[in-house]
Amino acid sequence: MAEKQREHIRFTGYVQGVGFRYRLSHLAQHYGVTGWVRNEYDGSVSAELQGLPEEIDQIIQQLKQDRYIDVTGMDRKNIPPDEQENGFHIRY
């Protein structure tokens, strides 16, 4: 069975003002993925997602298919998992 992993992802494109954080939060809860998401001052959105690799990939696929969101770039980095984390939240 695959191990849980944690990724820090920076999304660029048309990702603010389109419900991106709420959509990501909903998808994370649906797939049982933990972490957080927040808007950045440069117009990008940062997130940390922790779950099975296929769950994280599924979330990203669904975000890319959303008709209001236009992800034109992504910077994905694997980072150490947070064993204490339980749940997903939007950071303001």
PDB file of N, CA and C in Angstrom:
ATOM      1  N   MET A   1       0.845  -1.197   0.000  1.00  0.00           N
ATOM      2  CA  MET A   1       0.000   0.000   0.000  1.00  0.00           C
ATOM      3  C   MET A   1       0.883   1.251   0.000  1.00  0.00           C
ATOM      4  N   ALA A   2       0.454   2.247  -0.702  1.00  0.00           N
ATOM      5  CA  ALA A   2       1.230   3.495  -0.808  1.00  0.00           C
ATOM      6  C   ALA A   2       1.237   4.222   0.531  1.00  0.00           C
ATOM      7  N   GLU A   3       2.329   4.904   0.778  1.00  0.00           N
ATOM      8  CA  GLU A   3       2.470   5.696   2.002  1.00  0.00           C
ATOM      9  C   GLU A   3       1.912   7.086   1.781  1.00  0.00           C
ATOM     10  N   LYS A   4       1.406   7.659   2.870  1.00  0.00           N
ATOM     11  CA  LYS A   4       0.976   9.060   2.783  1.00  0.00           C
ATOM     12  C   LYS A   4       2.189   9.931   2.526  1.00  0.00           C
ATOM     13  N   GLN A   5       1.976  10.979   1.759  1.00  0.00           N
ATOM     14  CA  GLN A   5       3.039  11.949   1.513  1.00  0.00           C
ATOM     15  C   GLN A   5       2.466  13.339   1.705  1.00  0.00           C
ATOM     16  N   ARG A   6       3.351  14.323   1.775  1.00  0.00           N
ATOM     17  CA  ARG A   6       2.930  15.710   1.929  1.00  0.00           C
ATOM     18  C   ARG A   6       3.612  16.524   0.835  1.00  0.00           C
ATOM     19  N   GLU A   7       2.830  17.351   0.181  1.00  0.00           N
ATOM     20  CA  GLU A   7       3.368  18.202  -0.877  1.00  0.00           C
ATOM     21  C   GLU A   7       3.033  19.658  -0.605  1.00  0.00           C
ATOM     22  N   HIS A   8       4.014  20.520  -0.864  1.00  0.00           N
ATOM     23  CA  HIS A   8       3.754  21.954  -0.874  1.00  0.00           C
ATOM     24  C   HIS A   8       3.573  22.315  -2.342  1.00  0.00           C
ATOM     25  N   ILE A   9       2.436  22.928  -2.671  1.00  0.00           N
ATOM     26  CA  ILE A   9       2.129  23.248  -4.064  1.00  0.00           C
ATOM     27  C   ILE A   9       1.801  24.729  -4.185  1.00  0.00           C
ATOM     28  N   ARG A  10       2.389  25.374  -5.174  1.00  0.00           N
ATOM     29  CA  ARG A  10       2.069  26.775  -5.484  1.00  0.00           C
ATOM     30  C   ARG A  10       1.375  26.780  -6.833  1.00  0.00           C
ATOM     31  N   PHE A  11       0.129  27.223  -6.839  1.00  0.00           N
ATOM     32  CA  PHE A  11      -0.681  27.286  -8.061  1.00  0.00           C
ATOM     33  C   PHE A  11      -0.644  28.703  -8.614  1.00  0.00           C
ATOM     34  N   THR A  12      -0.416  28.835  -9.916  1.00  0.00           N
ATOM     35  CA  THR A  12      -0.489  30.138 -10.565  1.00  0.00           C
ATOM     36  C   THR A  12      -1.511  30.068 -11.689  1.00  0.00           C
ATOM     37  N   GLY A  13      -1.965  31.247 -12.126  1.00  0.00           N
ATOM     38  CA  GLY A  13      -2.995  31.340 -13.154  1.00  0.00           C
ATOM     39  C   GLY A  13      -4.164  32.147 -12.618  1.00  0.00           C
ATOM     40  N   TYR A  14      -5.354  31.815 -13.098  1.00  0.00           N
ATOM     41  CA  TYR A  14      -6.573  32.480 -12.632  1.00  0.00           C
ATOM     42  C   TYR A  14      -7.085  31.687 -11.439  1.00  0.00           C
ATOM     43  N   VAL A  15      -6.459  31.935 -10.258  1.00  0.00           N
ATOM     44  CA  VAL A  15      -6.721  31.094  -9.092  1.00  0.00           C
ATOM     45  C   VAL A  15      -7.210  31.868  -7.862  1.00  0.00           C
ATOM     46  N   GLN A  16      -7.331  33.202  -7.967  1.00  0.00           N
ATOM     47  CA  GLN A  16      -7.901  33.964  -6.858  1.00  0.00           C
ATOM     48  C   GLN A  16      -9.198  34.609  -7.316  1.00  0.00           C
ATOM     49  N   GLY A  17     -10.169  34.654  -6.389  1.00  0.00           N
ATOM     50  CA  GLY A  17     -11.450  35.268  -6.704  1.00  0.00           C
ATOM     51  C   GLY A  17     -12.369  34.351  -7.493  1.00  0.00           C
ATOM     52  N   VAL A  18     -12.046  33.064  -7.526  1.00  0.00           N
ATOM     53  CA  VAL A  18     -12.845  32.108  -8.307  1.00  0.00           C
ATOM     54  C   VAL A  18     -13.292  30.912  -7.460  1.00  0.00           C
ATOM     55  N   GLY A  19     -13.183  31.030  -6.129  1.00  0.00           N
ATOM     56  CA  GLY A  19     -13.597  29.943  -5.238  1.00  0.00           C
ATOM     57  C   GLY A  19     -12.582  28.825  -5.133  1.00  0.00           C
ATOM     58  N   PHE A  20     -11.339  29.101  -5.530  1.00  0.00           N
ATOM     59  CA  PHE A  20     -10.293  28.074  -5.540  1.00  0.00           C
ATOM     60  C   PHE A  20     -10.088  27.445  -4.165  1.00  0.00           C
ATOM     61  N   ARG A  21      -9.928  28.282  -3.133  1.00  0.00           N
ATOM     62  CA  ARG A  21      -9.654  27.747  -1.790  1.00  0.00           C
ATOM     63  C   ARG A  21     -10.808  26.888  -1.279  1.00  0.00           C
ATOM     64  N   TYR A  22     -12.036  27.324  -1.552  1.00  0.00           N
ATOM     65  CA  TYR A  22     -13.199  26.569  -1.076  1.00  0.00           C
ATOM     66  C   TYR A  22     -13.334  25.257  -1.840  1.00  0.00           C
ATOM     67  N   ARG A  23     -13.052  25.287  -3.135  1.00  0.00           N
ATOM     68  CA  ARG A  23     -13.105  24.076  -3.958  1.00  0.00           C
ATOM     69  C   ARG A  23     -12.033  23.088  -3.494  1.00  0.00           C
ATOM     70  N   LEU A  24     -10.821  23.592  -3.258  1.00  0.00           N
ATOM     71  CA  LEU A  24      -9.742  22.725  -2.789  1.00  0.00           C
ATOM     72  C   LEU A  24     -10.074  22.138  -1.417  1.00  0.00           C
ATOM     73  N   SER A  25     -10.607  22.956  -0.529  1.00  0.00           N
ATOM     74  CA  SER A  25     -10.987  22.489   0.804  1.00  0.00           C
ATOM     75  C   SER A  25     -12.038  21.385   0.716  1.00  0.00           C
ATOM     76  N   HIS A  26     -13.031  21.583  -0.132  1.00  0.00           N
ATOM     77  CA  HIS A  26     -14.087  20.582  -0.316  1.00  0.00           C
ATOM     78  C   HIS A  26     -13.515  19.271  -0.866  1.00  0.00           C
ATOM     79  N   LEU A  27     -12.655  19.369  -1.876  1.00  0.00           N
ATOM     80  CA  LEU A  27     -12.042  18.168  -2.461  1.00  0.00           C
ATOM     81  C   LEU A  27     -11.166  17.444  -1.441  1.00  0.00           C
ATOM     82  N   ALA A  28     -10.393  18.203  -0.662  1.00  0.00           N
ATOM     83  CA  ALA A  28      -9.524  17.591   0.348  1.00  0.00           C
ATOM     84  C   ALA A  28     -10.355  16.810   1.364  1.00  0.00           C
ATOM     85  N   GLN A  29     -11.456  17.402   1.813  1.00  0.00           N
ATOM     86  CA  GLN A  29     -12.312  16.717   2.775  1.00  0.00           C
ATOM     87  C   GLN A  29     -12.949  15.482   2.145  1.00  0.00           C
ATOM     88  N   HIS A  30     -13.328  15.575   0.882  1.00  0.00           N
ATOM     89  CA  HIS A  30     -13.923  14.441   0.167  1.00  0.00           C
ATOM     90  C   HIS A  30     -12.946  13.262   0.093  1.00  0.00           C
ATOM     91  N   TYR A  31     -11.687  13.543  -0.178  1.00  0.00           N
ATOM     92  CA  TYR A  31     -10.677  12.482  -0.319  1.00  0.00           C
ATOM     93  C   TYR A  31      -9.960  12.145   0.989  1.00  0.00           C
ATOM     94  N   GLY A  32     -10.287  12.828   2.072  1.00  0.00           N
ATOM     95  CA  GLY A  32      -9.634  12.554   3.346  1.00  0.00           C
ATOM     96  C   GLY A  32      -8.202  13.054   3.406  1.00  0.00           C
ATOM     97  N   VAL A  33      -7.906  14.087   2.632  1.00  0.00           N
ATOM     98  CA  VAL A  33      -6.566  14.676   2.598  1.00  0.00           C
ATOM     99  C   VAL A  33      -6.509  15.819   3.606  1.00  0.00           C
ATOM    100  N   THR A  34      -5.409  15.917   4.344  1.00  0.00           N
ATOM    101  CA  THR A  34      -5.248  16.986   5.333  1.00  0.00           C
ATOM    102  C   THR A  34      -4.332  18.069   4.784  1.00  0.00           C
ATOM    103  N   GLY A  35      -4.289  19.206   5.480  1.00  0.00           N
ATOM    104  CA  GLY A  35      -3.402  20.290   5.080  1.00  0.00           C
ATOM    105  C   GLY A  35      -4.066  21.641   5.175  1.00  0.00           C
ATOM    106  N   TRP A  36      -3.626  22.556   4.301  1.00  0.00           N
ATOM    107  CA  TRP A  36      -4.150  23.930   4.311  1.00  0.00           C
ATOM    108  C   TRP A  36      -3.979  24.557   2.932  1.00  0.00           C
ATOM    109  N   VAL A  37      -4.682  25.693   2.743  1.00  0.00           N
ATOM    110  CA  VAL A  37      -4.582  26.474   1.503  1.00  0.00           C
ATOM    111  C   VAL A  37      -4.692  27.952   1.854  1.00  0.00           C
ATOM    112  N   ARG A  38      -3.984  28.804   1.105  1.00  0.00           N
ATOM    113  CA  ARG A  38      -4.093  30.255   1.345  1.00  0.00           C
ATOM    114  C   ARG A  38      -3.737  31.021   0.075  1.00  0.00           C
ATOM    115  N   ASN A  39      -4.351  32.209  -0.057  1.00  0.00           N
ATOM    116  CA  ASN A  39      -4.001  33.127  -1.140  1.00  0.00           C
ATOM    117  C   ASN A  39      -2.679  33.810  -0.804  1.00  0.00           C
ATOM    118  N   GLU A  40      -1.882  34.091  -1.831  1.00  0.00           N
ATOM    119  CA  GLU A  40      -0.632  34.821  -1.656  1.00  0.00           C
ATOM    120  C   GLU A  40      -0.775  36.215  -2.265  1.00  0.00           C
ATOM    121  N   TYR A  41       0.062  37.139  -1.816  1.00  0.00           N
ATOM    122  CA  TYR A  41      -0.024  38.534  -2.280  1.00  0.00           C
ATOM    123  C   TYR A  41       0.270  38.684  -3.763  1.00  0.00           C
ATOM    124  N   ASP A  42       1.024  37.741  -4.353  1.00  0.00           N
ATOM    125  CA  ASP A  42       1.383  37.850  -5.773  1.00  0.00           C
ATOM    126  C   ASP A  42       0.309  37.293  -6.715  1.00  0.00           C
ATOM    127  N   GLY A  43      -0.839  36.887  -6.142  1.00  0.00           N
ATOM    128  CA  GLY A  43      -1.918  36.364  -6.980  1.00  0.00           C
ATOM    129  C   GLY A  43      -1.923  34.851  -7.101  1.00  0.00           C
ATOM    130  N   SER A  44      -0.911  34.205  -6.547  1.00  0.00           N
ATOM    131  CA  SER A  44      -0.867  32.746  -6.571  1.00  0.00           C
ATOM    132  C   SER A  44      -1.606  32.197  -5.347  1.00  0.00           C
ATOM    133  N   VAL A  45      -1.740  30.878  -5.285  1.00  0.00           N
ATOM    134  CA  VAL A  45      -2.329  30.202  -4.133  1.00  0.00           C
ATOM    135  C   VAL A  45      -1.347  29.125  -3.690  1.00  0.00           C
ATOM    136  N   SER A  46      -1.049  29.080  -2.388  1.00  0.00           N
ATOM    137  CA  SER A  46      -0.181  28.048  -1.824  1.00  0.00           C
ATOM    138  C   SER A  46      -1.026  27.053  -1.052  1.00  0.00           C
ATOM    139  N   ALA A  47      -0.586  25.794  -1.080  1.00  0.00           N
ATOM    140  CA  ALA A  47      -1.290  24.751  -0.338  1.00  0.00           C
ATOM    141  C   ALA A  47      -0.298  23.694   0.111  1.00  0.00           C
ATOM    142  N   GLU A  48      -0.631  23.037   1.208  1.00  0.00           N
ATOM    143  CA  GLU A  48       0.060  21.821   1.604  1.00  0.00           C
ATOM    144  C   GLU A  48      -0.999  20.743   1.689  1.00  0.00           C
ATOM    145  N   LEU A  49      -0.758  19.663   0.964  1.00  0.00           N
ATOM    146  CA  LEU A  49      -1.693  18.542   0.917  1.00  0.00           C
ATOM    147  C   LEU A  49      -0.991  17.296   1.419  1.00  0.00           C
ATOM    148  N   GLN A  50      -1.645  16.577   2.321  1.00  0.00           N
ATOM    149  CA  GLN A  50      -1.078  15.349   2.868  1.00  0.00           C
ATOM    150  C   GLN A  50      -2.082  14.227   2.690  1.00  0.00           C
ATOM    151  N   GLY A  51      -1.648  13.189   1.978  1.00  0.00           N
ATOM    152  CA  GLY A  51      -2.504  12.040   1.730  1.00  0.00           C
ATOM    153  C   GLY A  51      -1.790  11.073   0.809  1.00  0.00           C
ATOM    154  N   LEU A  52      -2.538  10.115   0.286  1.00  0.00           N
ATOM    155  CA  LEU A  52      -1.950   9.182  -0.665  1.00  0.00           C
ATOM    156  C   LEU A  52      -1.672   9.916  -1.975  1.00  0.00           C
ATOM    157  N   PRO A  53      -0.584   9.562  -2.667  1.00  0.00           N
ATOM    158  CA  PRO A  53      -0.240  10.260  -3.916  1.00  0.00           C
ATOM    159  C   PRO A  53      -1.395  10.317  -4.918  1.00  0.00           C
ATOM    160  N   GLU A  54      -2.151   9.231  -5.032  1.00  0.00           N
ATOM    161  CA  GLU A  54      -3.258   9.227  -5.993  1.00  0.00           C
ATOM    162  C   GLU A  54      -4.393  10.159  -5.570  1.00  0.00           C
ATOM    163  N   GLU A  55      -4.586  10.351  -4.254  1.00  0.00           N
ATOM    164  CA  GLU A  55      -5.611  11.293  -3.777  1.00  0.00           C
ATOM    165  C   GLU A  55      -5.207  12.725  -4.122  1.00  0.00           C
ATOM    166  N   ILE A  56      -3.941  13.051  -3.909  1.00  0.00           N
ATOM    167  CA  ILE A  56      -3.445  14.397  -4.226  1.00  0.00           C
ATOM    168  C   ILE A  56      -3.561  14.646  -5.729  1.00  0.00           C
ATOM    169  N   ASP A  57      -3.169  13.670  -6.534  1.00  0.00           N
ATOM    170  CA  ASP A  57      -3.264  13.812  -7.990  1.00  0.00           C
ATOM    171  C   ASP A  57      -4.716  13.986  -8.444  1.00  0.00           C
ATOM    172  N   GLN A  58      -5.624  13.265  -7.809  1.00  0.00           N
ATOM    173  CA  GLN A  58      -7.053  13.344  -8.147  1.00  0.00           C
ATOM    174  C   GLN A  58      -7.596  14.755  -7.852  1.00  0.00           C
ATOM    175  N   ILE A  59      -7.195  15.324  -6.719  1.00  0.00           N
ATOM    176  CA  ILE A  59      -7.615  16.678  -6.352  1.00  0.00           C
ATOM    177  C   ILE A  59      -7.117  17.673  -7.400  1.00  0.00           C
ATOM    178  N   ILE A  60      -5.851  17.564  -7.780  1.00  0.00           N
ATOM    179  CA  ILE A  60      -5.277  18.485  -8.768  1.00  0.00           C
ATOM    180  C   ILE A  60      -5.999  18.348 -10.111  1.00  0.00           C
ATOM    181  N   GLN A  61      -6.287  17.123 -10.528  1.00  0.00           N
ATOM    182  CA  GLN A  61      -7.019  16.904 -11.786  1.00  0.00           C
ATOM    183  C   GLN A  61      -8.376  17.601 -11.753  1.00  0.00           C
ATOM    184  N   GLN A  62      -9.084  17.468 -10.634  1.00  0.00           N
ATOM    185  CA  GLN A  62     -10.415  18.066 -10.545  1.00  0.00           C
ATOM    186  C   GLN A  62     -10.341  19.590 -10.512  1.00  0.00           C
ATOM    187  N   LEU A  63      -9.314  20.139  -9.875  1.00  0.00           N
ATOM    188  CA  LEU A  63      -9.143  21.593  -9.877  1.00  0.00           C
ATOM    189  C   LEU A  63      -8.904  22.085 -11.306  1.00  0.00           C
ATOM    190  N   LYS A  64      -8.104  21.352 -12.064  1.00  0.00           N
ATOM    191  CA  LYS A  64      -7.792  21.743 -13.443  1.00  0.00           C
ATOM    192  C   LYS A  64      -9.020  21.669 -14.346  1.00  0.00           C
ATOM    193  N   GLN A  65      -9.984  20.819 -13.987  1.00  0.00           N
ATOM    194  CA  GLN A  65     -11.188  20.666 -14.806  1.00  0.00           C
ATOM    195  C   GLN A  65     -12.301  21.641 -14.414  1.00  0.00           C
ATOM    196  N   ASP A  66     -12.119  22.368 -13.329  1.00  0.00           N
ATOM    197  CA  ASP A  66     -13.137  23.320 -12.880  1.00  0.00           C
ATOM    198  C   ASP A  66     -13.270  24.450 -13.900  1.00  0.00           C
ATOM    199  N   ARG A  67     -14.501  24.812 -14.225  1.00  0.00           N
ATOM    200  CA  ARG A  67     -14.684  25.799 -15.304  1.00  0.00           C
ATOM    201  C   ARG A  67     -14.355  27.233 -14.904  1.00  0.00           C
ATOM    202  N   TYR A  68     -14.262  27.520 -13.607  1.00  0.00           N
ATOM    203  CA  TYR A  68     -13.952  28.884 -13.169  1.00  0.00           C
ATOM    204  C   TYR A  68     -12.471  29.067 -12.861  1.00  0.00           C
ATOM    205  N   ILE A  69     -11.779  27.981 -12.633  1.00  0.00           N
ATOM    206  CA  ILE A  69     -10.366  28.015 -12.246  1.00  0.00           C
ATOM    207  C   ILE A  69      -9.506  27.730 -13.467  1.00  0.00           C
ATOM    208  N   ASP A  70      -8.424  28.491 -13.632  1.00  0.00           N
ATOM    209  CA  ASP A  70      -7.490  28.224 -14.737  1.00  0.00           C
ATOM    210  C   ASP A  70      -6.074  28.156 -14.175  1.00  0.00           C
ATOM    211  N   VAL A  71      -5.633  26.939 -13.874  1.00  0.00           N
ATOM    212  CA  VAL A  71      -4.284  26.711 -13.360  1.00  0.00           C
ATOM    213  C   VAL A  71      -3.329  26.685 -14.549  1.00  0.00           C
ATOM    214  N   THR A  72      -2.441  27.682 -14.620  1.00  0.00           N
ATOM    215  CA  THR A  72      -1.480  27.720 -15.734  1.00  0.00           C
ATOM    216  C   THR A  72      -0.098  27.229 -15.306  1.00  0.00           C
ATOM    217  N   GLY A  73       0.151  27.170 -13.991  1.00  0.00           N
ATOM    218  CA  GLY A  73       1.439  26.687 -13.513  1.00  0.00           C
ATOM    219  C   GLY A  73       1.321  26.104 -12.124  1.00  0.00           C
ATOM    220  N   MET A  74       2.217  25.152 -11.841  1.00  0.00           N
ATOM    221  CA  MET A  74       2.247  24.521 -10.531  1.00  0.00           C
ATOM    222  C   MET A  74       3.684  24.209 -10.172  1.00  0.00           C
ATOM    223  N   ASP A  75       4.038  24.513  -8.939  1.00  0.00           N
ATOM    224  CA  ASP A  75       5.348  24.152  -8.415  1.00  0.00           C
ATOM    225  C   ASP A  75       5.082  23.174  -7.277  1.00  0.00           C
ATOM    226  N   ARG A  76       5.435  21.897  -7.473  1.00  0.00           N
ATOM    227  CA  ARG A  76       5.160  20.854  -6.481  1.00  0.00           C
ATOM    228  C   ARG A  76       6.460  20.386  -5.848  1.00  0.00           C
ATOM    229  N   LYS A  77       6.459  20.353  -4.503  1.00  0.00           N
ATOM    230  CA  LYS A  77       7.634  19.869  -3.771  1.00  0.00           C
ATOM    231  C   LYS A  77       7.175  18.895  -2.686  1.00  0.00           C
ATOM    232  N   ASN A  78       7.839  17.760  -2.576  1.00  0.00           N
ATOM    233  CA  ASN A  78       7.580  16.847  -1.468  1.00  0.00           C
ATOM    234  C   ASN A  78       8.250  17.398  -0.226  1.00  0.00           C
ATOM    235  N   ILE A  79       7.510  17.377   0.879  1.00  0.00           N
ATOM    236  CA  ILE A  79       8.037  17.840   2.160  1.00  0.00           C
ATOM    237  C   ILE A  79       7.695  16.787   3.216  1.00  0.00           C
ATOM    238  N   PRO A  80       8.341  16.837   4.393  1.00  0.00           N
ATOM    239  CA  PRO A  80       8.060  15.823   5.422  1.00  0.00           C
ATOM    240  C   PRO A  80       6.601  15.875   5.898  1.00  0.00           C
ATOM    241  N   PRO A  81       5.974  14.715   6.094  1.00  0.00           N
ATOM    242  CA  PRO A  81       4.589  14.677   6.596  1.00  0.00           C
ATOM    243  C   PRO A  81       4.471  15.245   8.004  1.00  0.00           C
ATOM    244  N   ASP A  82       3.287  15.740   8.330  1.00  0.00           N
ATOM    245  CA  ASP A  82       2.973  16.238   9.668  1.00  0.00           C
ATOM    246  C   ASP A  82       2.049  15.215  10.320  1.00  0.00           C
ATOM    247  N   GLU A  83       2.609  14.413  11.207  1.00  0.00           N
ATOM    248  CA  GLU A  83       1.853  13.314  11.831  1.00  0.00           C
ATOM    249  C   GLU A  83       0.764  13.819  12.775  1.00  0.00           C
ATOM    250  N   GLN A  84       0.874  15.061  13.255  1.00  0.00           N
ATOM    251  CA  GLN A  84      -0.087  15.610  14.221  1.00  0.00           C
ATOM    252  C   GLN A  84      -1.324  16.199  13.550  1.00  0.00           C
ATOM    253  N   GLU A  85      -1.260  16.375  12.252  1.00  0.00           N
ATOM    254  CA  GLU A  85      -2.323  17.097  11.556  1.00  0.00           C
ATOM    255  C   GLU A  85      -3.581  16.240  11.405  1.00  0.00           C
ATOM    256  N   ASN A  86      -4.725  16.866  11.641  1.00  0.00           N
ATOM    257  CA  ASN A  86      -5.996  16.171  11.414  1.00  0.00           C
ATOM    258  C   ASN A  86      -6.993  17.178  10.861  1.00  0.00           C
ATOM    259  N   GLY A  87      -7.251  17.092   9.585  1.00  0.00           N
ATOM    260  CA  GLY A  87      -8.200  18.005   8.954  1.00  0.00           C
ATOM    261  C   GLY A  87      -7.543  18.925   7.951  1.00  0.00           C
ATOM    262  N   PHE A  88      -8.388  19.687   7.284  1.00  0.00           N
ATOM    263  CA  PHE A  88      -7.937  20.616   6.253  1.00  0.00           C
ATOM    264  C   PHE A  88      -8.540  21.973   6.560  1.00  0.00           C
ATOM    265  N   HIS A  89      -7.750  23.056   6.409  1.00  0.00           N
ATOM    266  CA  HIS A  89      -8.314  24.375   6.695  1.00  0.00           C
ATOM    267  C   HIS A  89      -7.791  25.428   5.731  1.00  0.00           C
ATOM    268  N   ILE A  90      -8.569  26.473   5.628  1.00  0.00           N
ATOM    269  CA  ILE A  90      -8.227  27.631   4.797  1.00  0.00           C
ATOM    270  C   ILE A  90      -7.520  28.629   5.696  1.00  0.00           C
ATOM    271  N   ARG A  91      -6.343  29.071   5.301  1.00  0.00           N
ATOM    272  CA  ARG A  91      -5.615  30.095   6.054  1.00  0.00           C
ATOM    273  C   ARG A  91      -5.900  31.450   5.455  1.00  0.00           C
ATOM    274  N   TYR A  92      -6.100  32.435   6.326  1.00  0.00           N
ATOM    275  CA  TYR A  92      -6.404  33.799   5.867  1.00  0.00           C
ATOM    276  C   TYR A  92      -5.251  34.729   6.148  1.00  0.00           C
TER     277      TYR A  92
END
